[in-house]
C-alpha atoms as a PDB file:
ATOM      1  CA  MET A   1      -5.343   2.417  35.260  1.00  0.00           C
ATOM      2  CA  LEU A   2      -2.429   1.426  35.381  1.00  0.00           C
ATOM      3  CA  SER A   3       0.863   2.627  36.264  1.00  0.00           C
ATOM      4  CA  ASP A   4       3.241   4.230  33.369  1.00  0.00           C
ATOM      5  CA  ARG A   5       5.730   2.147  31.930  1.00  0.00           C
ATOM      6  CA  SER A   6       7.563   3.454  28.746  1.00  0.00           C
ATOM      7  CA  SER A   7       9.114   2.204  25.736  1.00  0.00           C
ATOM      8  CA  ARG A   8      11.745   3.413  23.543  1.00  0.00           C
ATOM      9  CA  SER A   9      12.639   2.593  19.475  1.00  0.00           C
ATOM     10  CA  SER A  10      15.029   4.504  16.795  1.00  0.00           C
ATOM     11  CA  GLY A  11      14.621   4.280  13.786  1.00  0.00           C
ATOM     12  CA  CYS A  12      15.154   5.645  10.129  1.00  0.00           C
ATOM     13  CA  ARG A  13      11.583   5.741   7.727  1.00  0.00           C
ATOM     14  CA  TYR A  14       9.909   8.172   5.634  1.00  0.00           C
ATOM     15  CA  SER A  15       6.111   8.097   6.799  1.00  0.00           C
ATOM     16  CA  SER A  16       4.846   8.925   3.351  1.00  0.00           C
ATOM     17  CA  GLY A  17       2.718  12.067   3.041  1.00  0.00           C
ATOM     18  CA  GLU A  18       0.104  10.999  -0.063  1.00  0.00           C
ATOM     19  CA  GLN A  19      -2.172  13.079  -0.964  1.00  0.00           C
ATOM     20  CA  ALA A  20      -6.127  12.490   0.151  1.00  0.00           C
ATOM     21  CA  SER A  21      -8.216  10.385  -1.815  1.00  0.00           C
ATOM     22  CA  ILE A  22     -12.584  10.777  -0.792  1.00  0.00           C
ATOM     23  CA  LYS A  23     -14.019   8.361  -3.682  1.00  0.00           C
ATOM     24  CA  PRO A  24     -12.437   4.803  -2.993  1.00  0.00           C
ATOM     25  CA  SER A  25     -10.787   3.442  -6.192  1.00  0.00           C
ATOM     26  CA  SER A  26     -12.764   0.928  -8.253  1.00  0.00           C
ATOM     27  CA  GLU A  27      -9.354  -1.799  -8.793  1.00  0.00           C
ATOM     28  CA  MET A  28      -5.870  -1.931  -7.200  1.00  0.00           C
ATOM     29  CA  THR A  29      -2.664  -1.976  -9.587  1.00  0.00           C
ATOM     30  CA  GLU A  30       0.750  -1.416  -9.205  1.00  0.00           C
ATOM     31  CA  PRO A  31       2.719  -0.130  -7.831  1.00  0.00           C
ATOM     32  CA  GLU A  32       0.741   2.106  -5.489  1.00  0.00           C
ATOM     33  CA  ALA A  33      -2.934  -0.037  -4.780  1.00  0.00           C
ATOM     34  CA  HIS A  34      -5.360   2.551  -2.943  1.00  0.00           C
ATOM     35  CA  ILE A  35      -7.726   0.715  -0.640  1.00  0.00           C
ATOM     36  CA  SER A  36     -10.980   1.726  -0.436  1.00  0.00           C
ATOM     37  CA  LEU A  37     -12.536   2.451   2.572  1.00  0.00           C
ATOM     38  CA  PRO A  38     -13.922   1.283   4.734  1.00  0.00           C
ATOM     39  CA  THR A  39     -12.947  -2.512   3.950  1.00  0.00           C
ATOM     40  CA  ALA A  40     -15.400  -5.156   4.643  1.00  0.00           C
ATOM     41  CA  SER A  41     -13.243  -5.830   7.528  1.00  0.00           C
ATOM     42  CA  TRP A  42     -13.837  -2.932   9.272  1.00  0.00           C
ATOM     43  CA  GLY A  43     -16.685  -3.690  12.340  1.00  0.00           C
ATOM     44  CA  PRO A  44     -19.841  -1.661  12.977  1.00  0.00           C
ATOM     45  CA  VAL A  45     -18.335   0.680  16.430  1.00  0.00           C
ATOM     46  CA  ALA A  46     -14.894   1.654  13.313  1.00  0.00           C
ATOM     47  CA  ILE A  47     -17.100   1.858  10.440  1.00  0.00           C
ATOM     48  CA  GLU A  48     -18.699   4.571  13.392  1.00  0.00           C
ATOM     49  CA  LEU A  49     -16.128   6.337  14.330  1.00  0.00           C
ATOM     50  CA  TYR A  50     -14.875   6.162  10.988  1.00  0.00           C
ATOM     51  CA  THR A  51     -18.341   8.526   9.706  1.00  0.00           C
ATOM     52  CA  ARG A  52     -18.529  10.555  12.382  1.00  0.00           C
ATOM     53  CA  LEU A  53     -14.900  12.172  11.433  1.00  0.00           C
ATOM     54  CA  TYR A  54     -15.371  12.056   7.696  1.00  0.00           C
ATOM     55  CA  SER A  55     -18.600  14.151   8.669  1.00  0.00           C
ATOM     56  CA  ASP A  56     -17.392  15.961  10.779  1.00  0.00           C
ATOM     57  CA  LEU A  57     -13.964  17.063   9.804  1.00  0.00           C
ATOM     58  CA  ILE A  58     -14.860  16.074   5.466  1.00  0.00           C
ATOM     59  CA  GLN A  59     -18.735  17.418   5.077  1.00  0.00           C
ATOM     60  CA  ASN A  60     -18.460  19.876   8.269  1.00  0.00           C
ATOM     61  CA  GLY A  61     -15.190  20.984   7.962  1.00  0.00           C
ATOM     62  CA  ASP A  62     -13.699  24.741   6.797  1.00  0.00           C
ATOM     63  CA  GLY A  63     -11.884  22.833   4.438  1.00  0.00           C
ATOM     64  CA  SER A  64      -8.335  22.500   6.083  1.00  0.00           C
ATOM     65  CA  TRP A  65      -9.203  18.839   6.563  1.00  0.00           C
ATOM     66  CA  ILE A  66      -7.601  16.387   3.871  1.00  0.00           C
ATOM     67  CA  GLU A  67      -8.791  12.042   3.476  1.00  0.00           C
ATOM     68  CA  ARG A  68      -5.423  10.573   3.459  1.00  0.00           C
ATOM     69  CA  LYS A  69      -4.880   8.294   0.844  1.00  0.00           C
ATOM     70  CA  SER A  70      -4.552   4.827   2.224  1.00  0.00           C
ATOM     71  CA  ILE A  71      -1.857   2.486  -0.512  1.00  0.00           C
ATOM     72  CA  SER A  72      -0.914  -0.679   1.039  1.00  0.00           C
ATOM     73  CA  HIS A  73       1.092  -1.569  -2.145  1.00  0.00           C
ATOM     74  CA  LEU A  74       4.616   0.289  -2.503  1.00  0.00           C
ATOM     75  CA  ASN A  75       6.102  -1.195  -5.565  1.00  0.00           C
ATOM     76  CA  GLY A  76       7.314  -4.995  -6.509  1.00  0.00           C
ATOM     77  CA  GLU A  77       7.272  -6.509  -3.373  1.00  0.00           C
ATOM     78  CA  ARG A  78       7.437  -4.522  -0.944  1.00  0.00           C
ATOM     79  CA  ARG A  79       4.408  -3.449   1.639  1.00  0.00           C
ATOM     80  CA  LEU A  80       3.758  -0.617   3.857  1.00  0.00           C
ATOM     81  CA  PHE A  81       3.959  -2.388   6.839  1.00  0.00           C
ATOM     82  CA  THR A  82       0.788  -1.517   8.797  1.00  0.00           C
ATOM     83  CA  LYS A  83      -1.113  -1.794   5.646  1.00  0.00           C
ATOM     84  CA  ALA A  84       0.449  -5.580   4.425  1.00  0.00           C
ATOM     85  CA  ALA A  85      -2.254  -7.943   5.602  1.00  0.00           C
ATOM     86  CA  ILE A  86      -5.023  -5.915   4.716  1.00  0.00           C
ATOM     87  CA  SER A  87      -5.638  -7.588   1.417  1.00  0.00           C
ATOM     88  CA  GLU A  88      -4.134 -11.201   2.388  1.00  0.00           C
ATOM     89  CA  LEU A  89      -5.535 -11.287   6.239  1.00  0.00           C
ATOM     90  CA  PRO A  90      -8.757  -8.834   6.040  1.00  0.00           C
ATOM     91  CA  GLY A  91      -9.435  -7.661   9.715  1.00  0.00           C
ATOM     92  CA  LYS A  92      -6.827  -9.911  11.860  1.00  0.00           C
ATOM     93  CA  PHE A  93      -4.222  -6.772  12.168  1.00  0.00           C
ATOM     94  CA  PHE A  94      -4.338  -3.301  11.744  1.00  0.00           C
ATOM     95  CA  GLU A  95      -7.746  -1.444   9.832  1.00  0.00           C
ATOM     96  CA  TYR A  96      -7.199   2.293  10.329  1.00  0.00           C
ATOM     97  CA  GLN A  97      -7.481   5.422   8.193  1.00  0.00           C
ATOM     98  CA  HIS A  98      -5.841   9.189   8.746  1.00  0.00           C
ATOM     99  CA  PHE A  99      -7.756  12.672   8.159  1.00  0.00           C
ATOM    100  CA  CYS A 100      -4.513  15.469   8.169  1.00  0.00           C
ATOM    101  CA  ASN A 101      -4.842  19.512   8.681  1.00  0.00           C
ATOM    102  CA  THR A 102      -1.146  20.649   7.238  1.00  0.00           C
ATOM    103  CA  LYS A 103      -2.426  24.226   9.073  1.00  0.00           C
ATOM    104  CA  GLU A 104      -3.339  23.070  11.583  1.00  0.00           C
ATOM    105  CA  GLN A 105      -0.601  20.170  12.280  1.00  0.00           C
ATOM    106  CA  ARG A 106      -2.870  17.907  13.632  1.00  0.00           C
ATOM    107  CA  LEU A 107      -3.668  14.478  12.769  1.00  0.00           C
ATOM    108  CA  LYS A 108      -7.242  12.241  13.590  1.00  0.00           C
ATOM    109  CA  GLY A 109      -7.947   8.712  12.722  1.00  0.00           C
ATOM    110  CA  VAL A 110      -9.815   6.073  13.143  1.00  0.00           C
ATOM    111  CA  ILE A 111      -7.915   2.585  14.268  1.00  0.00           C
ATOM    112  CA  GLN A 112      -9.156  -1.453  14.898  1.00  0.00           C
ATOM    113  CA  PHE A 113      -6.919  -3.582  16.489  1.00  0.00           C
ATOM    114  CA  GLY A 114      -7.546  -7.625  14.888  1.00  0.00           C
ATOM    115  CA  PRO A 115      -6.999 -10.837  16.783  1.00  0.00           C
ATOM    116  CA  TYR A 116      -3.418 -11.391  15.312  1.00  0.00           C
ATOM    117  CA  THR A 117      -2.675  -7.894  17.377  1.00  0.00           C
ATOM    118  CA  GLN A 118      -2.550  -9.736  21.105  1.00  0.00           C
ATOM    119  CA  GLY A 119       0.397  -9.595  23.862  1.00  0.00           C
ATOM    120  CA  PRO A 120      -1.439 -10.485  27.169  1.00  0.00           C
ATOM    121  CA  GLU A 121      -4.872 -12.636  27.016  1.00  0.00           C
ATOM    122  CA  GLY A 122      -7.362 -10.700  25.394  1.00  0.00           C
ATOM    123  CA  CYS A 123      -5.458  -7.278  25.164  1.00  0.00           C
ATOM    124  CA  VAL A 124      -3.317  -5.445  22.145  1.00  0.00           C
ATOM    125  CA  HIS A 125       0.060  -6.166  22.628  1.00  0.00           C
ATOM    126  CA  GLY A 126       2.011  -2.917  23.594  1.00  0.00           C
ATOM    127  CA  GLY A 127       4.105  -2.733  20.370  1.00  0.00           C
ATOM    128  CA  ALA A 128       1.522  -3.254  18.151  1.00  0.00           C
ATOM    129  CA  SER A 129       0.085   0.161  19.691  1.00  0.00           C
ATOM    130  CA  ALA A 130       3.446   1.806  19.678  1.00  0.00           C
ATOM    131  CA  ALA A 131       3.091   1.276  16.187  1.00  0.00           C
ATOM    132  CA  MET A 132       0.397   3.095  15.343  1.00  0.00           C
ATOM    133  CA  MET A 133       1.288   6.144  17.288  1.00  0.00           C
ATOM    134  CA  ASP A 134       4.472   6.100  15.517  1.00  0.00           C
ATOM    135  CA  SER A 135       2.872   5.673  12.272  1.00  0.00           C
ATOM    136  CA  ALA A 136       0.546   8.314  13.522  1.00  0.00           C
ATOM    137  CA  ILE A 137       3.045  10.461  14.773  1.00  0.00           C
ATOM    138  CA  GLY A 138       4.522   9.932  11.373  1.00  0.00           C
ATOM    139  CA  VAL A 139       1.683  10.892   9.031  1.00  0.00           C
ATOM    140  CA  CYS A 140       1.570  14.287  11.030  1.00  0.00           C
ATOM    141  CA  VAL A 141       4.721  15.640  11.275  1.00  0.00           C
ATOM    142  CA  ASN A 142       5.483  14.240   7.187  1.00  0.00           C
ATOM    143  CA  ARG A 143       2.570  16.269   5.991  1.00  0.00           C
ATOM    144  CA  SER A 144       3.654  19.903   7.829  1.00  0.00           C
ATOM    145  CA  PHE A 145       7.623  19.075   7.211  1.00  0.00           C
ATOM    146  CA  SER A 146       8.925  17.217   4.545  1.00  0.00           C
ATOM    147  CA  HIS A 147      12.077  14.080   5.137  1.00  0.00           C
ATOM    148  CA  CYS A 148      11.378  14.019   8.471  1.00  0.00           C
ATOM    149  CA  VAL A 149      12.273  10.407  10.356  1.00  0.00           C
ATOM    150  CA  THR A 150      11.796   8.921  14.014  1.00  0.00           C
ATOM    151  CA  ALA A 151      14.584   9.509  16.047  1.00  0.00           C
ATOM    152  CA  SER A 152      12.903   9.037  19.315  1.00  0.00           C
ATOM    153  CA  LEU A 153       9.610   7.502  20.157  1.00  0.00           C
ATOM    154  CA  THR A 154       8.377   7.000  23.749  1.00  0.00           C
ATOM    155  CA  THR A 155       4.707   4.989  24.869  1.00  0.00           C
ATOM    156  CA  ASN A 156       2.997   5.798  28.484  1.00  0.00           C
ATOM    157  CA  TYR A 157       0.209   2.102  28.616  1.00  0.00           C
ATOM    158  CA  LYS A 158      -2.793   4.155  30.470  1.00  0.00           C
ATOM    159  CA  SER A 159      -5.004   1.170  30.500  1.00  0.00           C
ATOM    160  CA  LEU A 160      -5.356  -1.999  28.723  1.00  0.00           C
ATOM    161  CA  LEU A 161      -6.414  -2.334  25.267  1.00  0.00           C
ATOM    162  CA  PRO A 162      -8.708  -4.721  24.578  1.00  0.00           C
ATOM    163  CA  LEU A 163      -7.865  -6.774  21.785  1.00  0.00           C
ATOM    164  CA  GLY A 164     -10.823  -6.376  18.980  1.00  0.00           C
ATOM    165  CA  ALA A 165     -11.086  -2.388  20.109  1.00  0.00           C
ATOM    166  CA  THR A 166     -11.560   0.819  17.736  1.00  0.00           C
ATOM    167  CA  ALA A 167      -9.597   3.484  18.991  1.00  0.00           C
ATOM    168  CA  LEU A 168      -9.429   7.022  18.184  1.00  0.00           C
ATOM    169  CA  VAL A 169      -5.778   8.767  16.956  1.00  0.00           C
ATOM    170  CA  GLU A 170      -5.062  11.876  17.256  1.00  0.00           C
ATOM    171  CA  SER A 171      -1.334  13.662  16.867  1.00  0.00           C
ATOM    172  CA  TRP A 172       0.167  16.913  17.083  1.00  0.00           C
ATOM    173  CA  ILE A 173       3.322  18.916  16.886  1.00  0.00           C
ATOM    174  CA  ASP A 174       3.932  20.394  20.044  1.00  0.00           C
ATOM    175  CA  LYS A 175       7.043  22.758  19.004  1.00  0.00           C
ATOM    176  CA  VAL A 176      10.422  23.136  16.502  1.00  0.00           C
ATOM    177  CA  GLU A 177      14.286  23.801  16.914  1.00  0.00           C
ATOM    178  CA  GLY A 178      15.263  23.421  14.033  1.00  0.00           C
ATOM    179  CA  ARG A 179      15.516  20.051  12.685  1.00  0.00           C
ATOM    180  CA  LYS A 180      14.268  18.344  15.609  1.00  0.00           C
ATOM    181  CA  ILE A 181      10.679  18.314  15.473  1.00  0.00           C
ATOM    182  CA  PHE A 182       8.715  17.445  18.903  1.00  0.00           C
ATOM    183  CA  ALA A 183       5.458  15.993  18.193  1.00  0.00           C
ATOM    184  CA  SER A 184       2.799  14.367  20.401  1.00  0.00           C
ATOM    185  CA  ALA A 185      -0.046  11.259  20.022  1.00  0.00           C
ATOM    186  CA  GLU A 186      -2.824   9.928  22.286  1.00  0.00           C
ATOM    187  CA  LEU A 187      -4.803   7.149  21.566  1.00  0.00           C
ATOM    188  CA  THR A 188      -8.817   6.613  22.770  1.00  0.00           C
ATOM    189  CA  SER A 189     -12.097   4.958  23.330  1.00  0.00           C
ATOM    190  CA  PRO A 190     -13.910   6.676  20.316  1.00  0.00           C
ATOM    191  CA  ASP A 191     -15.766   8.650  23.218  1.00  0.00           C
ATOM    192  CA  GLY A 192     -12.473  10.089  24.395  1.00  0.00           C
ATOM    193  CA  LYS A 193     -13.368   8.520  28.188  1.00  0.00           C
ATOM    194  CA  ILE A 194     -10.496   6.365  28.286  1.00  0.00           C
ATOM    195  CA  THR A 195      -6.907   7.197  27.321  1.00  0.00           C
ATOM    196  CA  TYR A 196      -5.005   3.516  26.142  1.00  0.00           C
ATOM    197  CA  VAL A 197      -1.246   4.682  24.992  1.00  0.00           C
ATOM    198  CA  THR A 198       0.064   8.539  24.964  1.00  0.00           C
ATOM    199  CA  ALA A 199       3.455   9.176  23.576  1.00  0.00           C
ATOM    200  CA  ASN A 200       5.651  11.839  22.760  1.00  0.00           C
ATOM    201  CA  ALA A 201       8.350  11.589  19.466  1.00  0.00           C
ATOM    202  CA  LEU A 202      11.562  13.462  18.489  1.00  0.00           C
ATOM    203  CA  PHE A 203      11.673  13.645  14.035  1.00  0.00           C
ATOM    204  CA  ILE A 204      14.252  14.784  12.580  1.00  0.00           C
ATOM    205  CA  GLN A 205      14.596  17.228   9.031  1.00  0.00           C
ATOM    206  CA  PHE A 206      17.167  15.620   7.363  1.00  0.00           C
ATOM    207  CA  GLU A 207      16.741  17.072   3.729  1.00  0.00           C
ATOM    208  CA  PRO A 208      15.057  20.628   4.112  1.00  0.00           C
ATOM    209  CA  ASN A 209      16.162  21.705   0.771  1.00  0.00           C
ATOM    210  CA  GLY A 210      15.674  19.001  -1.128  1.00  0.00           C
ATOM    211  CA  LYS A 211      16.659  14.981  -2.354  1.00  0.00           C
ATOM    212  CA  ASN A 212      20.191  13.972  -0.535  1.00  0.00           C
ATOM    213  CA  LYS A 213      22.500  12.250  -2.735  1.00  0.00           C
ATOM    214  CA  ASP A 214      23.684  10.262   0.440  1.00  0.00           C
ATOM    215  CA  ALA A 215      20.857  10.059   2.636  1.00  0.00           C
ATOM    216  CA  ALA A 216      21.826   7.450   4.608  1.00  0.00           C
ATOM    217  CA  SER A 217      25.358   9.557   5.727  1.00  0.00           C
ATOM    218  CA  LYS A 218      23.154  12.600   6.308  1.00  0.00           C
ATOM    219  CA  LEU A 219      20.852  10.627   8.285  1.00  0.00           C
ATOM    220  CA  LYS A 220      23.073   9.379  10.940  1.00  0.00           C
ATOM    221  CA  GLN A 221      25.240  12.666  10.867  1.00  0.00           C
ATOM    222  CA  MET A 222      22.168  14.275  11.825  1.00  0.00           C
ATOM    223  CA  LEU A 223      20.673  11.663  14.764  1.00  0.00           C
ATOM    224  CA  GLU A 224      24.091  11.711  16.304  1.00  0.00           C
ATOM    225  CA  ASN A 225      24.089  15.570  16.305  1.00  0.00           C
ATOM    226  CA  PRO A 226      21.061  17.115  15.792  1.00  0.00           C
ATOM    227  CA  SER A 227      20.924  21.033  15.397  1.00  0.00           C
END
């Protein structure tokens, strides 16, 4: 196992909370383009893990889990960062899907890392896995609490993640203190025997009472003095 090393980042972005879609859409249209899953670029390990999660959580679950709708196009030329290359470069970057449980405030998902996510020779770049951790925690948090943004993210790299690997991601809420929401995540091999990355994050809820006409100013104020 590698010794821990940490990377910290701050952000200002929403993790969208679309409703579940367990039936693939027949076509993609603007402004929302729903991605049918699994896609043709998914490998056999990713398909197997997706099928297991879908069976355990959706088909045979208690109804508290939903499959999150997968969207690529947001509006015009804008694209969701982690889904942007799927239509243009399928299988080259990230392939993933999340399952959410708002009652338990948990998330599970499958991630396939493509050849364009390389860092060290034959391994996934730490920034690529960190992006996937931020995405998973962000979805987990925003499925339970509206209008939350990342204030800090700490990632700990436990083992080298092989390029082209499929991983199981899990995220959960640790505690809530006012507008501060603390959450964690881990990225493991599909069988759970190898832990690749763990992460801890602080999110700030800056619109608890509805839309804010001056969201940028409000966010800056809350990040400077969270309470």
